[in-house]
C-alpha atoms as a PDB file:
ATOM      1  CA  MET A   1      63.923  16.409  20.185  1.00  0.00           C
ATOM      2  CA  SER A   2      61.583  18.665  22.397  1.00  0.00           C
ATOM      3  CA  ALA A   3      57.832  19.193  21.476  1.00  0.00           C
ATOM      4  CA  ALA A   4      57.380  22.086  19.614  1.00  0.00           C
ATOM      5  CA  LYS A   5      55.752  25.038  21.077  1.00  0.00           C
ATOM      6  CA  GLY A   6      51.627  25.978  20.190  1.00  0.00           C
ATOM      7  CA  THR A   7      51.367  29.221  18.553  1.00  0.00           C
ATOM      8  CA  PRO A   8      49.629  32.112  20.018  1.00  0.00           C
ATOM      9  CA  LYS A   9      46.472  31.163  18.200  1.00  0.00           C
ATOM     10  CA  ASP A  10      46.552  27.986  19.247  1.00  0.00           C
ATOM     11  CA  SER A  11      47.085  29.017  23.129  1.00  0.00           C
ATOM     12  CA  HIS A  12      44.052  31.295  22.482  1.00  0.00           C
ATOM     13  CA  TYR A  13      41.482  28.621  21.265  1.00  0.00           C
ATOM     14  CA  ALA A  14      42.588  26.172  24.076  1.00  0.00           C
ATOM     15  CA  ARG A  15      42.292  28.816  26.735  1.00  0.00           C
ATOM     16  CA  LEU A  16      38.498  28.957  24.735  1.00  0.00           C
ATOM     17  CA  ARG A  17      37.742  25.020  24.987  1.00  0.00           C
ATOM     18  CA  ARG A  18      38.976  25.221  28.581  1.00  0.00           C
ATOM     19  CA  THR A  19      36.066  27.918  29.378  1.00  0.00           C
ATOM     20  CA  HIS A  20      33.620  26.318  27.603  1.00  0.00           C
ATOM     21  CA  ARG A  21      34.264  23.156  29.476  1.00  0.00           C
ATOM     22  CA  ASP A  22      34.587  24.719  32.854  1.00  0.00           C
ATOM     23  CA  ALA A  23      30.981  26.161  31.730  1.00  0.00           C
ATOM     24  CA  THR A  24      29.155  23.144  30.819  1.00  0.00           C
ATOM     25  CA  GLY A  25      30.774  20.905  32.708  1.00  0.00           C
ATOM     26  CA  ALA A  26      31.878  18.683  29.587  1.00  0.00           C
ATOM     27  CA  GLY A  27      34.023  15.684  29.826  1.00  0.00           C
ATOM     28  CA  SER A  28      33.078  15.486  33.894  1.00  0.00           C
ATOM     29  CA  GLY A  29      29.498  14.036  33.788  1.00  0.00           C
ATOM     30  CA  GLN A  30      28.440  17.195  34.954  1.00  0.00           C
ATOM     31  CA  GLY A  31      26.685  18.813  31.751  1.00  0.00           C
ATOM     32  CA  ARG A  32      23.613  20.596  31.552  1.00  0.00           C
ATOM     33  CA  ALA A  33      20.783  18.478  31.173  1.00  0.00           C
ATOM     34  CA  PRO A  34      19.026  18.875  27.993  1.00  0.00           C
ATOM     35  CA  ARG A  35      15.635  20.586  28.299  1.00  0.00           C
ATOM     36  CA  PRO A  36      12.475  18.106  28.128  1.00  0.00           C
ATOM     37  CA  ALA A  37      10.277  18.520  25.278  1.00  0.00           C
ATOM     38  CA  VAL A  38       7.109  20.708  26.203  1.00  0.00           C
ATOM     39  CA  PRO A  39       3.528  19.407  24.729  1.00  0.00           C
ATOM     40  CA  GLY A  40       1.635  21.911  22.372  1.00  0.00           C
ATOM     41  CA  GLU A  41      -1.810  22.904  22.909  1.00  0.00           C
ATOM     42  CA  PRO A  42      -4.255  20.738  20.302  1.00  0.00           C
ATOM     43  CA  PRO A  43      -5.922  22.409  17.604  1.00  0.00           C
ATOM     44  CA  PRO A  44      -9.837  23.302  18.139  1.00  0.00           C
ATOM     45  CA  ASP A  45     -12.211  20.887  16.471  1.00  0.00           C
ATOM     46  CA  GLY A  46     -12.585  21.418  12.726  1.00  0.00           C
ATOM     47  CA  VAL A  47      -8.850  22.941  12.159  1.00  0.00           C
ATOM     48  CA  VAL A  48      -5.438  21.256  11.745  1.00  0.00           C
ATOM     49  CA  HIS A  49      -2.466  23.288  12.310  1.00  0.00           C
ATOM     50  CA  LEU A  50       0.346  22.941   9.634  1.00  0.00           C
ATOM     51  CA  TYR A  51       3.780  24.236   9.883  1.00  0.00           C
ATOM     52  CA  GLY A  52       6.950  24.530   8.421  1.00  0.00           C
ATOM     53  CA  LEU A  53       8.139  26.948   5.521  1.00  0.00           C
ATOM     54  CA  HIS A  54       7.339  24.453   2.533  1.00  0.00           C
ATOM     55  CA  THR A  55       3.875  23.117   3.867  1.00  0.00           C
ATOM     56  CA  VAL A  56       2.760  26.376   4.466  1.00  0.00           C
ATOM     57  CA  ARG A  57       3.516  28.486   1.341  1.00  0.00           C
ATOM     58  CA  ALA A  58       2.211  25.274  -0.255  1.00  0.00           C
ATOM     59  CA  ALA A  59      -1.276  25.682   1.651  1.00  0.00           C
ATOM     60  CA  LEU A  60      -1.361  29.462   1.019  1.00  0.00           C
ATOM     61  CA  ASP A  61      -0.822  28.808  -2.808  1.00  0.00           C
ATOM     62  CA  ASN A  62      -3.819  26.486  -2.981  1.00  0.00           C
ATOM     63  CA  PRO A  63      -7.231  27.768  -3.427  1.00  0.00           C
ATOM     64  CA  ALA A  64      -9.328  25.173  -1.979  1.00  0.00           C
ATOM     65  CA  ARG A  65      -7.572  25.586   1.645  1.00  0.00           C
ATOM     66  CA  SER A  66      -9.637  27.501   3.961  1.00  0.00           C
ATOM     67  CA  ILE A  67      -7.108  29.469   5.837  1.00  0.00           C
ATOM     68  CA  ARG A  68      -8.685  30.818   9.393  1.00  0.00           C
ATOM     69  CA  ARG A  69      -5.206  32.274  11.101  1.00  0.00           C
ATOM     70  CA  LEU A  70      -1.276  32.545  10.578  1.00  0.00           C
ATOM     71  CA  TRP A  71       1.326  33.142  13.241  1.00  0.00           C
ATOM     72  CA  VAL A  72       4.461  33.944  11.796  1.00  0.00           C
ATOM     73  CA  THR A  73       7.969  35.180  12.418  1.00  0.00           C
ATOM     74  CA  ARG A  74       9.572  38.549  10.774  1.00  0.00           C
ATOM     75  CA  ASN A  75      12.034  35.870   9.663  1.00  0.00           C
ATOM     76  CA  ALA A  76       9.760  33.706   8.349  1.00  0.00           C
ATOM     77  CA  GLN A  77       7.214  36.317   6.660  1.00  0.00           C
ATOM     78  CA  GLU A  78      10.664  37.321   4.519  1.00  0.00           C
ATOM     79  CA  ARG A  79      11.447  34.141   3.828  1.00  0.00           C
ATOM     80  CA  LEU A  80       7.804  33.510   2.724  1.00  0.00           C
ATOM     81  CA  ALA A  81       7.733  36.475   0.650  1.00  0.00           C
ATOM     82  CA  LEU A  82       4.174  37.438   2.359  1.00  0.00           C
ATOM     83  CA  GLY A  83       4.905  41.071   1.512  1.00  0.00           C
ATOM     84  CA  ASP A  84       1.849  43.524   3.331  1.00  0.00           C
ATOM     85  CA  LEU A  85       0.420  41.323   5.994  1.00  0.00           C
ATOM     86  CA  ALA A  86      -2.562  43.597   6.608  1.00  0.00           C
ATOM     87  CA  ALA A  87      -3.185  43.292   2.471  1.00  0.00           C
ATOM     88  CA  LEU A  88      -3.422  39.259   3.373  1.00  0.00           C
ATOM     89  CA  PRO A  89      -7.491  38.025   3.913  1.00  0.00           C
ATOM     90  CA  PHE A  90      -7.238  36.327   7.232  1.00  0.00           C
ATOM     91  CA  PRO A  91      -5.673  37.340  11.080  1.00  0.00           C
ATOM     92  CA  ILE A  92      -1.906  37.574  11.145  1.00  0.00           C
ATOM     93  CA  ASP A  93       0.110  37.671  14.558  1.00  0.00           C
ATOM     94  CA  LEU A  94       3.903  38.344  13.835  1.00  0.00           C
ATOM     95  CA  VAL A  95       5.333  36.975  16.968  1.00  0.00           C
ATOM     96  CA  ASP A  96       8.740  35.297  18.138  1.00  0.00           C
ATOM     97  CA  PRO A  97       9.392  31.800  17.981  1.00  0.00           C
ATOM     98  CA  LYS A  98       8.567  30.650  21.723  1.00  0.00           C
ATOM     99  CA  ALA A  99       5.067  31.985  20.807  1.00  0.00           C
ATOM    100  CA  ILE A 100       4.677  29.481  18.071  1.00  0.00           C
ATOM    101  CA  ASP A 101       6.653  26.684  20.100  1.00  0.00           C
ATOM    102  CA  ARG A 102       3.722  26.868  22.689  1.00  0.00           C
ATOM    103  CA  ILE A 103       1.210  26.139  20.191  1.00  0.00           C
ATOM    104  CA  THR A 104       3.169  23.229  18.053  1.00  0.00           C
ATOM    105  CA  GLY A 105       5.113  21.882  21.037  1.00  0.00           C
ATOM    106  CA  THR A 106       8.873  22.351  21.352  1.00  0.00           C
ATOM    107  CA  ASP A 107       9.173  19.015  19.175  1.00  0.00           C
ATOM    108  CA  ALA A 108       7.791  20.412  16.087  1.00  0.00           C
ATOM    109  CA  VAL A 109       9.898  22.016  13.484  1.00  0.00           C
ATOM    110  CA  HIS A 110       7.590  24.832  12.540  1.00  0.00           C
ATOM    111  CA  GLN A 111      10.567  27.329  10.838  1.00  0.00           C
ATOM    112  CA  GLY A 112       8.601  30.158  12.250  1.00  0.00           C
ATOM    113  CA  VAL A 113       5.301  29.801  10.783  1.00  0.00           C
ATOM    114  CA  LEU A 114       2.091  28.122  11.918  1.00  0.00           C
ATOM    115  CA  LEU A 115      -1.130  27.948   9.897  1.00  0.00           C
ATOM    116  CA  GLU A 116      -4.346  27.111  11.243  1.00  0.00           C
ATOM    117  CA  ALA A 117      -6.823  25.959   8.597  1.00  0.00           C
ATOM    118  CA  GLU A 118     -10.018  23.557   7.584  1.00  0.00           C
ATOM    119  CA  PRO A 119      -8.586  20.056   6.611  1.00  0.00           C
ATOM    120  CA  LEU A 120      -9.233  19.450   3.178  1.00  0.00           C
ATOM    121  CA  ARG A 121     -12.210  17.260   2.265  1.00  0.00           C
ATOM    122  CA  PRO A 122     -11.224  13.734   0.863  1.00  0.00           C
ATOM    123  CA  LYS A 123     -12.758  12.819  -2.495  1.00  0.00           C
ATOM    124  CA  PRO A 124     -14.805   9.486  -3.334  1.00  0.00           C
ATOM    125  CA  LEU A 125     -13.419   7.024  -5.545  1.00  0.00           C
ATOM    126  CA  ALA A 126     -15.289   8.239  -8.684  1.00  0.00           C
ATOM    127  CA  ALA A 127     -13.347  11.403  -8.503  1.00  0.00           C
ATOM    128  CA  LEU A 128     -10.427   9.604 -10.360  1.00  0.00           C
ATOM    129  CA  GLY A 129     -11.945  10.185 -13.733  1.00  0.00           C
ATOM    130  CA  ASP A 130      -8.734   9.423 -16.606  1.00  0.00           C
ATOM    131  CA  SER A 131      -5.884   9.013 -13.738  1.00  0.00           C
ATOM    132  CA  ARG A 132      -3.551   6.633 -14.965  1.00  0.00           C
ATOM    133  CA  LEU A 133      -1.258   6.324 -11.593  1.00  0.00           C
ATOM    134  CA  VAL A 134      -2.672   5.931  -7.874  1.00  0.00           C
ATOM    135  CA  VAL A 135      -1.413   4.753  -4.676  1.00  0.00           C
ATOM    136  CA  MET A 136      -3.391   2.784  -2.118  1.00  0.00           C
ATOM    137  CA  LEU A 137      -2.571   1.992   1.502  1.00  0.00           C
ATOM    138  CA  ASP A 138      -3.561  -0.658   3.142  1.00  0.00           C
ATOM    139  CA  GLN A 139      -3.748   0.344   7.096  1.00  0.00           C
ATOM    140  CA  VAL A 140      -0.677   2.438   6.920  1.00  0.00           C
ATOM    141  CA  THR A 141      -0.905   4.474  10.080  1.00  0.00           C
ATOM    142  CA  ASP A 142       2.013   6.626  10.882  1.00  0.00           C
ATOM    143  CA  PRO A 143       1.419  10.071   9.839  1.00  0.00           C
ATOM    144  CA  HIS A 144       4.978  10.503   9.124  1.00  0.00           C
ATOM    145  CA  ASN A 145       4.903   7.686   6.616  1.00  0.00           C
ATOM    146  CA  VAL A 146       1.741   8.886   4.645  1.00  0.00           C
ATOM    147  CA  GLY A 147       3.130  12.201   4.627  1.00  0.00           C
ATOM    148  CA  ALA A 148       6.436  10.942   3.188  1.00  0.00           C
ATOM    149  CA  VAL A 149       4.644   8.759   0.500  1.00  0.00           C
ATOM    150  CA  MET A 150       2.643  11.480  -0.459  1.00  0.00           C
ATOM    151  CA  ARG A 151       5.768  13.594  -1.129  1.00  0.00           C
ATOM    152  CA  SER A 152       6.575  10.502  -3.193  1.00  0.00           C
ATOM    153  CA  ALA A 153       3.395  10.190  -4.569  1.00  0.00           C
ATOM    154  CA  VAL A 154       3.718  14.261  -6.131  1.00  0.00           C
ATOM    155  CA  ALA A 155       7.003  13.963  -7.117  1.00  0.00           C
ATOM    156  CA  PHE A 156       6.392  11.319  -9.547  1.00  0.00           C
ATOM    157  CA  GLY A 157       3.306  12.565 -11.035  1.00  0.00           C
ATOM    158  CA  ALA A 158       0.656   9.958  -9.146  1.00  0.00           C
ATOM    159  CA  ASP A 159      -2.820  11.152  -9.543  1.00  0.00           C
ATOM    160  CA  ALA A 160      -4.549  10.095  -6.116  1.00  0.00           C
ATOM    161  CA  LEU A 161      -3.687   8.921  -2.990  1.00  0.00           C
ATOM    162  CA  ILE A 162      -6.145   6.196  -1.706  1.00  0.00           C
ATOM    163  CA  THR A 163      -6.739   5.256   2.060  1.00  0.00           C
ATOM    164  CA  THR A 164      -9.590   3.868   4.155  1.00  0.00           C
ATOM    165  CA  SER A 165     -11.543   5.870   6.178  1.00  0.00           C
ATOM    166  CA  ARG A 166     -10.900   3.589   9.397  1.00  0.00           C
ATOM    167  CA  HIS A 167      -7.120   2.693  10.731  1.00  0.00           C
ATOM    168  CA  SER A 168      -5.527   5.947   8.437  1.00  0.00           C
ATOM    169  CA  PRO A 169      -4.075   9.036   9.738  1.00  0.00           C
ATOM    170  CA  SER A 170      -6.391  12.408   9.735  1.00  0.00           C
ATOM    171  CA  GLU A 171      -4.715  15.113   8.573  1.00  0.00           C
ATOM    172  CA  SER A 172      -2.437  16.923  10.799  1.00  0.00           C
ATOM    173  CA  GLY A 173       0.704  18.874  11.359  1.00  0.00           C
ATOM    174  CA  VAL A 174       2.850  16.013  11.477  1.00  0.00           C
ATOM    175  CA  LEU A 175       1.396  14.590   8.056  1.00  0.00           C
ATOM    176  CA  ALA A 176       1.595  17.811   6.584  1.00  0.00           C
ATOM    177  CA  LYS A 177       4.811  18.750   7.566  1.00  0.00           C
ATOM    178  CA  ALA A 178       6.084  15.006   6.481  1.00  0.00           C
ATOM    179  CA  ALA A 179       4.714  15.714   3.154  1.00  0.00           C
ATOM    180  CA  SER A 180       6.359  18.733   2.577  1.00  0.00           C
ATOM    181  CA  GLY A 181       3.728  20.681   0.661  1.00  0.00           C
ATOM    182  CA  ALA A 182       2.752  17.565  -1.244  1.00  0.00           C
ATOM    183  CA  LEU A 183      -0.823  17.310   0.928  1.00  0.00           C
ATOM    184  CA  GLU A 184      -2.044  20.519  -1.549  1.00  0.00           C
ATOM    185  CA  HIS A 185      -0.797  18.710  -4.818  1.00  0.00           C
ATOM    186  CA  ILE A 186      -2.400  15.193  -4.688  1.00  0.00           C
ATOM    187  CA  ASP A 187      -6.067  14.165  -4.838  1.00  0.00           C
ATOM    188  CA  LEU A 188      -6.863  12.299  -1.229  1.00  0.00           C
ATOM    189  CA  ILE A 189      -9.694   9.428  -1.818  1.00  0.00           C
ATOM    190  CA  GLU A 190     -10.862   7.832   1.067  1.00  0.00           C
ATOM    191  CA  VAL A 191     -12.938   4.414   0.941  1.00  0.00           C
ATOM    192  CA  ARG A 192     -14.577   2.475   3.221  1.00  0.00           C
ATOM    193  CA  ASN A 193     -13.661  -1.251   1.963  1.00  0.00           C
ATOM    194  CA  LEU A 194     -10.138  -1.310   0.264  1.00  0.00           C
ATOM    195  CA  ALA A 195     -10.842  -4.828  -1.590  1.00  0.00           C
ATOM    196  CA  ALA A 196     -14.401  -3.129  -2.896  1.00  0.00           C
ATOM    197  CA  ALA A 197     -12.010  -0.089  -3.940  1.00  0.00           C
ATOM    198  CA  LEU A 198      -9.707  -2.481  -6.166  1.00  0.00           C
ATOM    199  CA  GLU A 199     -12.296  -4.238  -7.688  1.00  0.00           C
ATOM    200  CA  ALA A 200     -14.059  -1.067  -8.916  1.00  0.00           C
ATOM    201  CA  LEU A 201     -10.636   0.224 -10.065  1.00  0.00           C
ATOM    202  CA  HIS A 202     -10.044  -3.333 -11.803  1.00  0.00           C
ATOM    203  CA  GLU A 203     -13.639  -2.720 -13.578  1.00  0.00           C
ATOM    204  CA  ALA A 204     -11.941   0.744 -14.643  1.00  0.00           C
ATOM    205  CA  GLY A 205      -9.203  -0.677 -16.628  1.00  0.00           C
ATOM    206  CA  PHE A 206      -6.540  -0.360 -13.248  1.00  0.00           C
ATOM    207  CA  ARG A 207      -3.753  -3.232 -13.057  1.00  0.00           C
ATOM    208  CA  SER A 208      -3.079  -3.470  -9.176  1.00  0.00           C
ATOM    209  CA  VAL A 209       0.123  -4.292  -7.799  1.00  0.00           C
ATOM    210  CA  GLY A 210       0.280  -5.061  -4.219  1.00  0.00           C
ATOM    211  CA  LEU A 211       3.931  -4.692  -2.831  1.00  0.00           C
ATOM    212  CA  ASP A 212       5.284  -7.870  -0.886  1.00  0.00           C
ATOM    213  CA  SER A 213       8.976  -8.658  -0.070  1.00  0.00           C
ATOM    214  CA  GLU A 214       8.149 -12.432  -0.749  1.00  0.00           C
ATOM    215  CA  GLY A 215       6.218 -11.675  -3.942  1.00  0.00           C
ATOM    216  CA  PRO A 216       6.401 -14.167  -6.655  1.00  0.00           C
ATOM    217  CA  VAL A 217       7.451 -11.991  -9.032  1.00  0.00           C
ATOM    218  CA  ALA A 218       9.886  -8.588  -9.512  1.00  0.00           C
ATOM    219  CA  LEU A 219       7.766  -5.654  -9.310  1.00  0.00           C
ATOM    220  CA  GLU A 220       9.043  -4.300 -13.072  1.00  0.00           C
ATOM    221  CA  THR A 221       7.511  -7.688 -14.552  1.00  0.00           C
ATOM    222  CA  ALA A 222       4.211  -7.076 -12.642  1.00  0.00           C
ATOM    223  CA  LEU A 223       3.980  -3.379 -14.458  1.00  0.00           C
ATOM    224  CA  SER A 224       1.807  -3.300 -17.285  1.00  0.00           C
ATOM    225  CA  GLY A 225      -1.444  -1.820 -19.017  1.00  0.00           C
ATOM    226  CA  GLU A 226      -2.112   1.710 -18.951  1.00  0.00           C
ATOM    227  CA  ARG A 227      -3.554   2.193 -15.586  1.00  0.00           C
ATOM    228  CA  ILE A 228      -1.729   1.230 -12.591  1.00  0.00           C
ATOM    229  CA  ALA A 229      -2.458   1.402  -8.806  1.00  0.00           C
ATOM    230  CA  LEU A 230       0.460   0.632  -6.386  1.00  0.00           C
ATOM    231  CA  VAL A 231      -0.650  -0.761  -3.144  1.00  0.00           C
ATOM    232  CA  LEU A 232       1.461  -0.810  -0.010  1.00  0.00           C
ATOM    233  CA  GLY A 233       0.845  -2.192   3.615  1.00  0.00           C
ATOM    234  CA  ALA A 234       1.644  -1.399   6.798  1.00  0.00           C
ATOM    235  CA  GLU A 235       4.789  -1.414   8.721  1.00  0.00           C
ATOM    236  CA  GLY A 236       5.540  -5.044  10.174  1.00  0.00           C
ATOM    237  CA  LYS A 237       2.382  -6.701   9.179  1.00  0.00           C
ATOM    238  CA  GLY A 238       2.369  -5.922   5.329  1.00  0.00           C
ATOM    239  CA  LEU A 239      -0.715  -6.379   3.116  1.00  0.00           C
ATOM    240  CA  ARG A 240      -3.837  -7.731   4.384  1.00  0.00           C
ATOM    241  CA  GLN A 241      -4.781 -11.275   3.539  1.00  0.00           C
ATOM    242  CA  LYS A 242      -7.850 -10.110   1.730  1.00  0.00           C
ATOM    243  CA  THR A 243      -5.929  -7.553   0.106  1.00  0.00           C
ATOM    244  CA  ARG A 244      -3.409 -10.091  -0.870  1.00  0.00           C
ATOM    245  CA  GLU A 245      -6.346 -12.288  -2.567  1.00  0.00           C
ATOM    246  CA  THR A 246      -7.810  -9.157  -4.528  1.00  0.00           C
ATOM    247  CA  VAL A 247      -4.626  -7.122  -6.268  1.00  0.00           C
ATOM    248  CA  SER A 248      -4.108  -7.894  -9.743  1.00  0.00           C
ATOM    249  CA  ALA A 249      -0.413  -9.156  -8.865  1.00  0.00           C
ATOM    250  CA  LEU A 250       2.167  -9.605  -5.933  1.00  0.00           C
ATOM    251  CA  ALA A 251       5.397  -8.149  -6.427  1.00  0.00           C
ATOM    252  CA  ARG A 252       8.622  -7.778  -4.638  1.00  0.00           C
ATOM    253  CA  LEU A 253      11.337  -5.316  -4.892  1.00  0.00           C
ATOM    254  CA  ASP A 254      14.411  -7.024  -5.547  1.00  0.00           C
ATOM    255  CA  MET A 255      17.305  -6.004  -3.954  1.00  0.00           C
ATOM    256  CA  PRO A 256      20.546  -7.548  -3.986  1.00  0.00           C
ATOM    257  CA  GLY A 257      21.862  -6.428  -0.496  1.00  0.00           C
ATOM    258  CA  SER A 258      21.025  -8.255   2.923  1.00  0.00           C
ATOM    259  CA  ILE A 259      18.527  -6.562   3.844  1.00  0.00           C
ATOM    260  CA  ARG A 260      15.348  -7.677   1.804  1.00  0.00           C
ATOM    261  CA  SER A 261      12.591  -4.621   2.930  1.00  0.00           C
ATOM    262  CA  LEU A 262      12.565  -1.201   2.866  1.00  0.00           C
ATOM    263  CA  ASN A 263      10.446   1.269   5.367  1.00  0.00           C
ATOM    264  CA  VAL A 264       7.166   1.614   3.450  1.00  0.00           C
ATOM    265  CA  SER A 265       7.899   5.177   2.297  1.00  0.00           C
ATOM    266  CA  ASN A 266      10.943   4.132   0.843  1.00  0.00           C
ATOM    267  CA  ALA A 267       9.283   1.313  -1.170  1.00  0.00           C
ATOM    268  CA  ALA A 268       6.976   3.682  -2.437  1.00  0.00           C
ATOM    269  CA  ALA A 269       9.356   5.736  -4.014  1.00  0.00           C
ATOM    270  CA  VAL A 270      11.036   3.131  -5.603  1.00  0.00           C
ATOM    271  CA  ALA A 271       8.072   1.447  -6.814  1.00  0.00           C
ATOM    272  CA  LEU A 272       6.603   4.866  -7.916  1.00  0.00           C
ATOM    273  CA  TYR A 273       9.359   5.406 -10.266  1.00  0.00           C
ATOM    274  CA  ALA A 274       9.265   1.732 -11.717  1.00  0.00           C
ATOM    275  CA  ALA A 275       5.736   2.593 -12.442  1.00  0.00           C
ATOM    276  CA  ARG A 276       6.072   5.973 -14.040  1.00  0.00           C
ATOM    277  CA  HIS A 277       8.534   4.192 -16.402  1.00  0.00           C
ATOM    278  CA  ALA A 278       6.280   1.642 -17.210  1.00  0.00           C
ATOM    279  CA  LEU A 279       3.367   3.951 -18.074  1.00  0.00           C
ATOM    280  CA  SER A 280       5.656   6.072 -20.164  1.00  0.00           C
ATOM    281  CA  ALA A 281       6.711   2.979 -22.100  1.00  0.00           C
ATOM    282  CA  ALA A 282       2.816   1.434 -22.502  1.00  0.00           C
END
């Protein structure tokens, strides 16, 4: 039986594929080399560069955020519903995406918008007030992870994120982009000594639960009371010894699969869900 002949449409697309291969060298090892990433410009002292649609929209809507300048493309202006740029109370630059690339670097997914603003000022532990659910990070230094934890914390209604003044990332575009707007919706508490802060939380009626893959009890059984502090450690190292000795309980996430631990931001999301359920039942 002879092979069926291709249709005119098949022949047309075959010619297009050959043209593309000839132009790019695909399949011959002669393809065009990817463009190297170009680093951006560091922000001036005392300000941060925030980028991405969700991040910038949340910052614009936050009355506590002091904004100095905005760079935006025409498309991003429409997606952010900014309206009349001249009516905004800070300088605006209507630019093309490459102008923002030069500031953020080509690796940043800025979506056509960049905001220069003053960083938010961390609050003291006394600002917790009647908070019921907080997250504490024990020397988690990766801004991507801190931003992702912050996003989960806001999603599950946590009242504050507590970090240490040392060995924690400062506010940055990377952290804010990972938080996807959550940076503007949660109290940031900064303490010098995590163990001392834990003791203060205990005196205020919090039960603190440190997550540990080898914890002696399952997380669900460790969550009790009307105020909960979830404590998570750095990737690899986990909780420091002093922190482990100070928390009310060490608990594990029971996982039936062959992997026994999660990335800190994923573990935070699971723990926050469980804690919110426990508080609702209290």
